[in-house]
PDB file of N, CA and C in Angstrom:
ATOM      1  N   MET A   1      -7.672  -9.037  34.652  1.00  0.00           N
ATOM      2  CA  MET A   1      -7.100  -7.721  34.461  1.00  0.00           C
ATOM      3  C   MET A   1      -6.617  -7.605  33.020  1.00  0.00           C
ATOM      4  N   ALA A   2      -6.819  -6.493  32.396  1.00  0.00           N
ATOM      5  CA  ALA A   2      -6.435  -6.290  30.998  1.00  0.00           C
ATOM      6  C   ALA A   2      -4.922  -6.182  30.862  1.00  0.00           C
ATOM      7  N   ALA A   3      -4.416  -6.722  29.751  1.00  0.00           N
ATOM      8  CA  ALA A   3      -2.983  -6.625  29.478  1.00  0.00           C
ATOM      9  C   ALA A   3      -2.578  -5.162  29.380  1.00  0.00           C
ATOM     10  N   GLY A   4      -1.372  -4.874  29.827  1.00  0.00           N
ATOM     11  CA  GLY A   4      -0.856  -3.520  29.730  1.00  0.00           C
ATOM     12  C   GLY A   4      -1.179  -2.644  30.929  1.00  0.00           C
ATOM     13  N   THR A   5      -1.862  -3.200  31.918  1.00  0.00           N
ATOM     14  CA  THR A   5      -2.147  -2.424  33.117  1.00  0.00           C
ATOM     15  C   THR A   5      -0.918  -2.442  34.023  1.00  0.00           C
ATOM     16  N   PRO A   6      -0.813  -1.492  34.950  1.00  0.00           N
ATOM     17  CA  PRO A   6       0.357  -1.441  35.819  1.00  0.00           C
ATOM     18  C   PRO A   6       0.641  -2.750  36.550  1.00  0.00           C
ATOM     19  N   ALA A   7      -0.378  -3.486  36.929  1.00  0.00           N
ATOM     20  CA  ALA A   7      -0.170  -4.747  37.637  1.00  0.00           C
ATOM     21  C   ALA A   7       0.524  -5.775  36.747  1.00  0.00           C
ATOM     22  N   ASP A   8       0.432  -5.617  35.426  1.00  0.00           N
ATOM     23  CA  ASP A   8       1.075  -6.544  34.508  1.00  0.00           C
ATOM     24  C   ASP A   8       2.525  -6.164  34.231  1.00  0.00           C
ATOM     25  N   SER A   9       2.962  -5.009  34.717  1.00  0.00           N
ATOM     26  CA  SER A   9       4.305  -4.541  34.431  1.00  0.00           C
ATOM     27  C   SER A   9       5.349  -5.389  35.133  1.00  0.00           C
ATOM     28  N   PHE A  10       6.504  -5.413  34.553  1.00  0.00           N
ATOM     29  CA  PHE A  10       7.642  -6.128  35.103  1.00  0.00           C
ATOM     30  C   PHE A  10       8.108  -5.432  36.379  1.00  0.00           C
ATOM     31  N   VAL A  11       8.447  -6.198  37.388  1.00  0.00           N
ATOM     32  CA  VAL A  11       9.002  -5.675  38.628  1.00  0.00           C
ATOM     33  C   VAL A  11      10.471  -6.045  38.656  1.00  0.00           C
ATOM     34  N   LYS A  12      11.374  -5.033  38.758  1.00  0.00           N
ATOM     35  CA  LYS A  12      12.820  -5.284  38.731  1.00  0.00           C
ATOM     36  C   LYS A  12      13.193  -6.335  39.773  1.00  0.00           C
ATOM     37  N   GLY A  13      13.948  -7.312  39.302  1.00  0.00           N
ATOM     38  CA  GLY A  13      14.384  -8.382  40.185  1.00  0.00           C
ATOM     39  C   GLY A  13      13.437  -9.571  40.210  1.00  0.00           C
ATOM     40  N   ARG A  14      12.249  -9.433  39.650  1.00  0.00           N
ATOM     41  CA  ARG A  14      11.298 -10.545  39.592  1.00  0.00           C
ATOM     42  C   ARG A  14      10.722 -10.638  38.201  1.00  0.00           C
ATOM     43  N   PRO A  15      10.907 -11.633  37.439  1.00  0.00           N
ATOM     44  CA  PRO A  15      11.676 -12.826  37.793  1.00  0.00           C
ATOM     45  C   PRO A  15      13.171 -12.697  37.497  1.00  0.00           C
ATOM     46  N   LEU A  16      13.608 -11.563  36.951  1.00  0.00           N
ATOM     47  CA  LEU A  16      15.026 -11.374  36.659  1.00  0.00           C
ATOM     48  C   LEU A  16      15.387  -9.921  36.851  1.00  0.00           C
ATOM     49  N   ASN A  17      16.686  -9.647  36.912  1.00  0.00           N
ATOM     50  CA  ASN A  17      17.142  -8.270  37.125  1.00  0.00           C
ATOM     51  C   ASN A  17      17.077  -7.455  35.844  1.00  0.00           C
ATOM     52  N   HIS A  18      17.733  -7.958  34.786  1.00  0.00           N
ATOM     53  CA  HIS A  18      17.686  -7.294  33.487  1.00  0.00           C
ATOM     54  C   HIS A  18      18.154  -8.261  32.415  1.00  0.00           C
ATOM     55  N   VAL A  19      17.945  -7.874  31.173  1.00  0.00           N
ATOM     56  CA  VAL A  19      18.373  -8.663  30.023  1.00  0.00           C
ATOM     57  C   VAL A  19      19.582  -7.956  29.422  1.00  0.00           C
ATOM     58  N   GLY A  20      20.655  -8.683  29.180  1.00  0.00           N
ATOM     59  CA  GLY A  20      21.845  -8.102  28.577  1.00  0.00           C
ATOM     60  C   GLY A  20      21.887  -8.394  27.086  1.00  0.00           C
ATOM     61  N   ILE A  21      22.249  -7.373  26.309  1.00  0.00           N
ATOM     62  CA  ILE A  21      22.369  -7.524  24.858  1.00  0.00           C
ATOM     63  C   ILE A  21      23.741  -7.008  24.449  1.00  0.00           C
ATOM     64  N   LEU A  22      24.511  -7.860  23.795  1.00  0.00           N
ATOM     65  CA  LEU A  22      25.840  -7.510  23.316  1.00  0.00           C
ATOM     66  C   LEU A  22      25.743  -6.990  21.891  1.00  0.00           C
ATOM     67  N   VAL A  23      26.321  -5.810  21.635  1.00  0.00           N
ATOM     68  CA  VAL A  23      26.304  -5.207  20.304  1.00  0.00           C
ATOM     69  C   VAL A  23      27.730  -4.823  19.909  1.00  0.00           C
ATOM     70  N   ASP A  24      27.956  -4.707  18.615  1.00  0.00           N
ATOM     71  CA  ASP A  24      29.266  -4.285  18.126  1.00  0.00           C
ATOM     72  C   ASP A  24      29.436  -2.773  18.193  1.00  0.00           C
ATOM     73  N   ASP A  25      28.379  -2.021  17.923  1.00  0.00           N
ATOM     74  CA  ASP A  25      28.461  -0.563  17.842  1.00  0.00           C
ATOM     75  C   ASP A  25      27.469   0.054  18.826  1.00  0.00           C
ATOM     76  N   LEU A  26      27.957   0.387  19.995  1.00  0.00           N
ATOM     77  CA  LEU A  26      27.092   0.902  21.052  1.00  0.00           C
ATOM     78  C   LEU A  26      26.454   2.239  20.673  1.00  0.00           C
ATOM     79  N   ASP A  27      27.227   3.102  20.016  1.00  0.00           N
ATOM     80  CA  ASP A  27      26.694   4.414  19.635  1.00  0.00           C
ATOM     81  C   ASP A  27      25.557   4.287  18.623  1.00  0.00           C
ATOM     82  N   ALA A  28      25.716   3.403  17.653  1.00  0.00           N
ATOM     83  CA  ALA A  28      24.655   3.179  16.666  1.00  0.00           C
ATOM     84  C   ALA A  28      23.408   2.607  17.333  1.00  0.00           C
ATOM     85  N   MET A  29      23.594   1.696  18.282  1.00  0.00           N
ATOM     86  CA  MET A  29      22.444   1.122  18.979  1.00  0.00           C
ATOM     87  C   MET A  29      21.732   2.171  19.821  1.00  0.00           C
ATOM     88  N   GLU A  30      22.494   3.064  20.444  1.00  0.00           N
ATOM     89  CA  GLU A  30      21.853   4.116  21.223  1.00  0.00           C
ATOM     90  C   GLU A  30      21.020   5.029  20.326  1.00  0.00           C
ATOM     91  N   ARG A  31      21.504   5.327  19.148  1.00  0.00           N
ATOM     92  CA  ARG A  31      20.709   6.134  18.207  1.00  0.00           C
ATOM     93  C   ARG A  31      19.409   5.411  17.855  1.00  0.00           C
ATOM     94  N   GLN A  32      19.470   4.113  17.633  1.00  0.00           N
ATOM     95  CA  GLN A  32      18.261   3.334  17.312  1.00  0.00           C
ATOM     96  C   GLN A  32      17.286   3.333  18.483  1.00  0.00           C
ATOM     97  N   VAL A  33      17.820   3.162  19.682  1.00  0.00           N
ATOM     98  CA  VAL A  33      16.980   3.156  20.888  1.00  0.00           C
ATOM     99  C   VAL A  33      16.262   4.498  21.026  1.00  0.00           C
ATOM    100  N   LYS A  34      16.989   5.591  20.847  1.00  0.00           N
ATOM    101  CA  LYS A  34      16.379   6.925  20.941  1.00  0.00           C
ATOM    102  C   LYS A  34      15.351   7.145  19.832  1.00  0.00           C
ATOM    103  N   ALA A  35      15.664   6.675  18.624  1.00  0.00           N
ATOM    104  CA  ALA A  35      14.732   6.822  17.499  1.00  0.00           C
ATOM    105  C   ALA A  35      13.432   6.067  17.762  1.00  0.00           C
ATOM    106  N   ALA A  36      13.509   5.013  18.571  1.00  0.00           N
ATOM    107  CA  ALA A  36      12.319   4.240  18.924  1.00  0.00           C
ATOM    108  C   ALA A  36      11.532   4.904  20.053  1.00  0.00           C
ATOM    109  N   GLY A  37      12.029   6.049  20.555  1.00  0.00           N
ATOM    110  CA  GLY A  37      11.318   6.767  21.604  1.00  0.00           C
ATOM    111  C   GLY A  37      11.665   6.312  23.007  1.00  0.00           C
ATOM    112  N   LEU A  38      12.713   5.512  23.154  1.00  0.00           N
ATOM    113  CA  LEU A  38      13.131   5.045  24.477  1.00  0.00           C
ATOM    114  C   LEU A  38      14.228   5.959  25.011  1.00  0.00           C
ATOM    115  N   HIS A  39      14.491   5.875  26.317  1.00  0.00           N
ATOM    116  CA  HIS A  39      15.401   6.814  26.969  1.00  0.00           C
ATOM    117  C   HIS A  39      16.551   6.074  27.648  1.00  0.00           C
ATOM    118  N   PRO A  40      17.721   6.052  27.014  1.00  0.00           N
ATOM    119  CA  PRO A  40      18.884   5.401  27.616  1.00  0.00           C
ATOM    120  C   PRO A  40      19.299   6.103  28.918  1.00  0.00           C
ATOM    121  N   PHE A  41      19.847   5.318  29.855  1.00  0.00           N
ATOM    122  CA  PHE A  41      20.329   5.889  31.118  1.00  0.00           C
ATOM    123  C   PHE A  41      21.493   5.048  31.637  1.00  0.00           C
ATOM    124  N   ALA A  42      22.129   5.520  32.685  1.00  0.00           N
ATOM    125  CA  ALA A  42      23.223   4.820  33.367  1.00  0.00           C
ATOM    126  C   ALA A  42      24.348   4.417  32.416  1.00  0.00           C
ATOM    127  N   HIS A  43      24.778   5.366  31.610  1.00  0.00           N
ATOM    128  CA  HIS A  43      25.912   5.111  30.720  1.00  0.00           C
ATOM    129  C   HIS A  43      27.165   4.879  31.561  1.00  0.00           C
ATOM    130  N   ALA A  44      28.019   3.963  31.117  1.00  0.00           N
ATOM    131  CA  ALA A  44      29.259   3.727  31.854  1.00  0.00           C
ATOM    132  C   ALA A  44      30.308   3.124  30.936  1.00  0.00           C
ATOM    133  N   ASP A  45      31.526   3.557  31.144  1.00  0.00           N
ATOM    134  CA  ASP A  45      32.693   2.910  30.548  1.00  0.00           C
ATOM    135  C   ASP A  45      33.325   2.114  31.682  1.00  0.00           C
ATOM    136  N   TYR A  46      33.617   0.859  31.440  1.00  0.00           N
ATOM    137  CA  TYR A  46      34.202   0.020  32.482  1.00  0.00           C
ATOM    138  C   TYR A  46      35.064  -1.028  31.793  1.00  0.00           C
ATOM    139  N   ASP A  47      35.915  -1.651  32.543  1.00  0.00           N
ATOM    140  CA  ASP A  47      36.759  -2.697  31.985  1.00  0.00           C
ATOM    141  C   ASP A  47      35.954  -3.986  31.983  1.00  0.00           C
ATOM    142  N   PRO A  48      35.592  -4.528  30.855  1.00  0.00           N
ATOM    143  CA  PRO A  48      36.237  -4.417  29.550  1.00  0.00           C
ATOM    144  C   PRO A  48      35.418  -3.716  28.467  1.00  0.00           C
ATOM    145  N   GLY A  49      34.404  -2.927  28.807  1.00  0.00           N
ATOM    146  CA  GLY A  49      33.586  -2.364  27.729  1.00  0.00           C
ATOM    147  C   GLY A  49      32.858  -1.093  28.108  1.00  0.00           C
ATOM    148  N   ARG A  50      31.781  -0.830  27.374  1.00  0.00           N
ATOM    149  CA  ARG A  50      30.895   0.325  27.583  1.00  0.00           C
ATOM    150  C   ARG A  50      29.469  -0.192  27.613  1.00  0.00           C
ATOM    151  N   ARG A  51      28.586   0.556  28.287  1.00  0.00           N
ATOM    152  CA  ARG A  51      27.191   0.114  28.379  1.00  0.00           C
ATOM    153  C   ARG A  51      26.254   1.272  28.629  1.00  0.00           C
ATOM    154  N   PHE A  52      24.980   0.988  28.402  1.00  0.00           N
ATOM    155  CA  PHE A  52      23.900   1.835  28.897  1.00  0.00           C
ATOM    156  C   PHE A  52      22.712   0.927  29.149  1.00  0.00           C
ATOM    157  N   TYR A  53      21.737   1.450  29.847  1.00  0.00           N
ATOM    158  CA  TYR A  53      20.517   0.706  30.144  1.00  0.00           C
ATOM    159  C   TYR A  53      19.341   1.423  29.502  1.00  0.00           C
ATOM    160  N   VAL A  54      18.275   0.672  29.292  1.00  0.00           N
ATOM    161  CA  VAL A  54      17.049   1.232  28.750  1.00  0.00           C
ATOM    162  C   VAL A  54      15.883   0.365  29.230  1.00  0.00           C
ATOM    163  N   LEU A  55      14.742   1.011  29.473  1.00  0.00           N
ATOM    164  CA  LEU A  55      13.526   0.282  29.826  1.00  0.00           C
ATOM    165  C   LEU A  55      12.640   0.205  28.599  1.00  0.00           C
ATOM    166  N   ASP A  56      12.095  -0.980  28.333  1.00  0.00           N
ATOM    167  CA  ASP A  56      11.150  -1.088  27.224  1.00  0.00           C
ATOM    168  C   ASP A  56       9.786  -0.578  27.695  1.00  0.00           C
ATOM    169  N   PRO A  57       8.801  -0.492  26.805  1.00  0.00           N
ATOM    170  CA  PRO A  57       7.491   0.052  27.199  1.00  0.00           C
ATOM    171  C   PRO A  57       6.802  -0.718  28.333  1.00  0.00           C
ATOM    172  N   ASP A  58       7.197  -1.980  28.562  1.00  0.00           N
ATOM    173  CA  ASP A  58       6.622  -2.755  29.660  1.00  0.00           C
ATOM    174  C   ASP A  58       7.425  -2.617  30.944  1.00  0.00           C
ATOM    175  N   GLY A  59       8.509  -1.832  30.904  1.00  0.00           N
ATOM    176  CA  GLY A  59       9.317  -1.628  32.101  1.00  0.00           C
ATOM    177  C   GLY A  59      10.424  -2.653  32.279  1.00  0.00           C
ATOM    178  N   ILE A  60      10.646  -3.510  31.298  1.00  0.00           N
ATOM    179  CA  ILE A  60      11.739  -4.484  31.388  1.00  0.00           C
ATOM    180  C   ILE A  60      13.043  -3.754  31.109  1.00  0.00           C
ATOM    181  N   GLU A  61      14.019  -3.979  31.979  1.00  0.00           N
ATOM    182  CA  GLU A  61      15.308  -3.290  31.850  1.00  0.00           C
ATOM    183  C   GLU A  61      16.260  -4.106  30.989  1.00  0.00           C
ATOM    184  N   PHE A  62      16.898  -3.402  30.039  1.00  0.00           N
ATOM    185  CA  PHE A  62      17.887  -4.013  29.150  1.00  0.00           C
ATOM    186  C   PHE A  62      19.221  -3.310  29.354  1.00  0.00           C
ATOM    187  N   GLU A  63      20.281  -4.092  29.474  1.00  0.00           N
ATOM    188  CA  GLU A  63      21.639  -3.567  29.470  1.00  0.00           C
ATOM    189  C   GLU A  63      22.188  -3.777  28.069  1.00  0.00           C
ATOM    190  N   ILE A  64      22.561  -2.702  27.413  1.00  0.00           N
ATOM    191  CA  ILE A  64      23.153  -2.780  26.086  1.00  0.00           C
ATOM    192  C   ILE A  64      24.654  -2.571  26.279  1.00  0.00           C
ATOM    193  N   VAL A  65      25.452  -3.538  25.854  1.00  0.00           N
ATOM    194  CA  VAL A  65      26.876  -3.515  26.158  1.00  0.00           C
ATOM    195  C   VAL A  65      27.687  -3.815  24.900  1.00  0.00           C
ATOM    196  N   SER A  66      28.873  -3.207  24.837  1.00  0.00           N
ATOM    197  CA  SER A  66      29.808  -3.476  23.752  1.00  0.00           C
ATOM    198  C   SER A  66      31.196  -3.670  24.338  1.00  0.00           C
ATOM    199  N   TYR A  67      31.869  -4.702  23.859  1.00  0.00           N
ATOM    200  CA  TYR A  67      33.245  -4.960  24.254  1.00  0.00           C
ATOM    201  C   TYR A  67      34.201  -4.625  23.127  1.00  0.00           C
ATOM    202  N   ALA A  68      33.685  -3.933  22.085  1.00  0.00           N
ATOM    203  CA  ALA A  68      34.506  -3.588  20.929  1.00  0.00           C
ATOM    204  C   ALA A  68      35.510  -2.512  21.284  1.00  0.00           C
TER     205      ALA A  68
END
């Protein structure tokens, strides 16, 4: 099967749920994510920080979080 086909896409929870990335400036990172053509979702403020999620073009979910 050719790379990039739906069967090659990541399935949530297999082999992992998501990748977490810690950043100092969440707002600046969200601007970069949007500039790259990706769509942030599930924004939340929680103790002890703030976060949003984004799917990369292969469907891998990333949690972008800041504790600043």
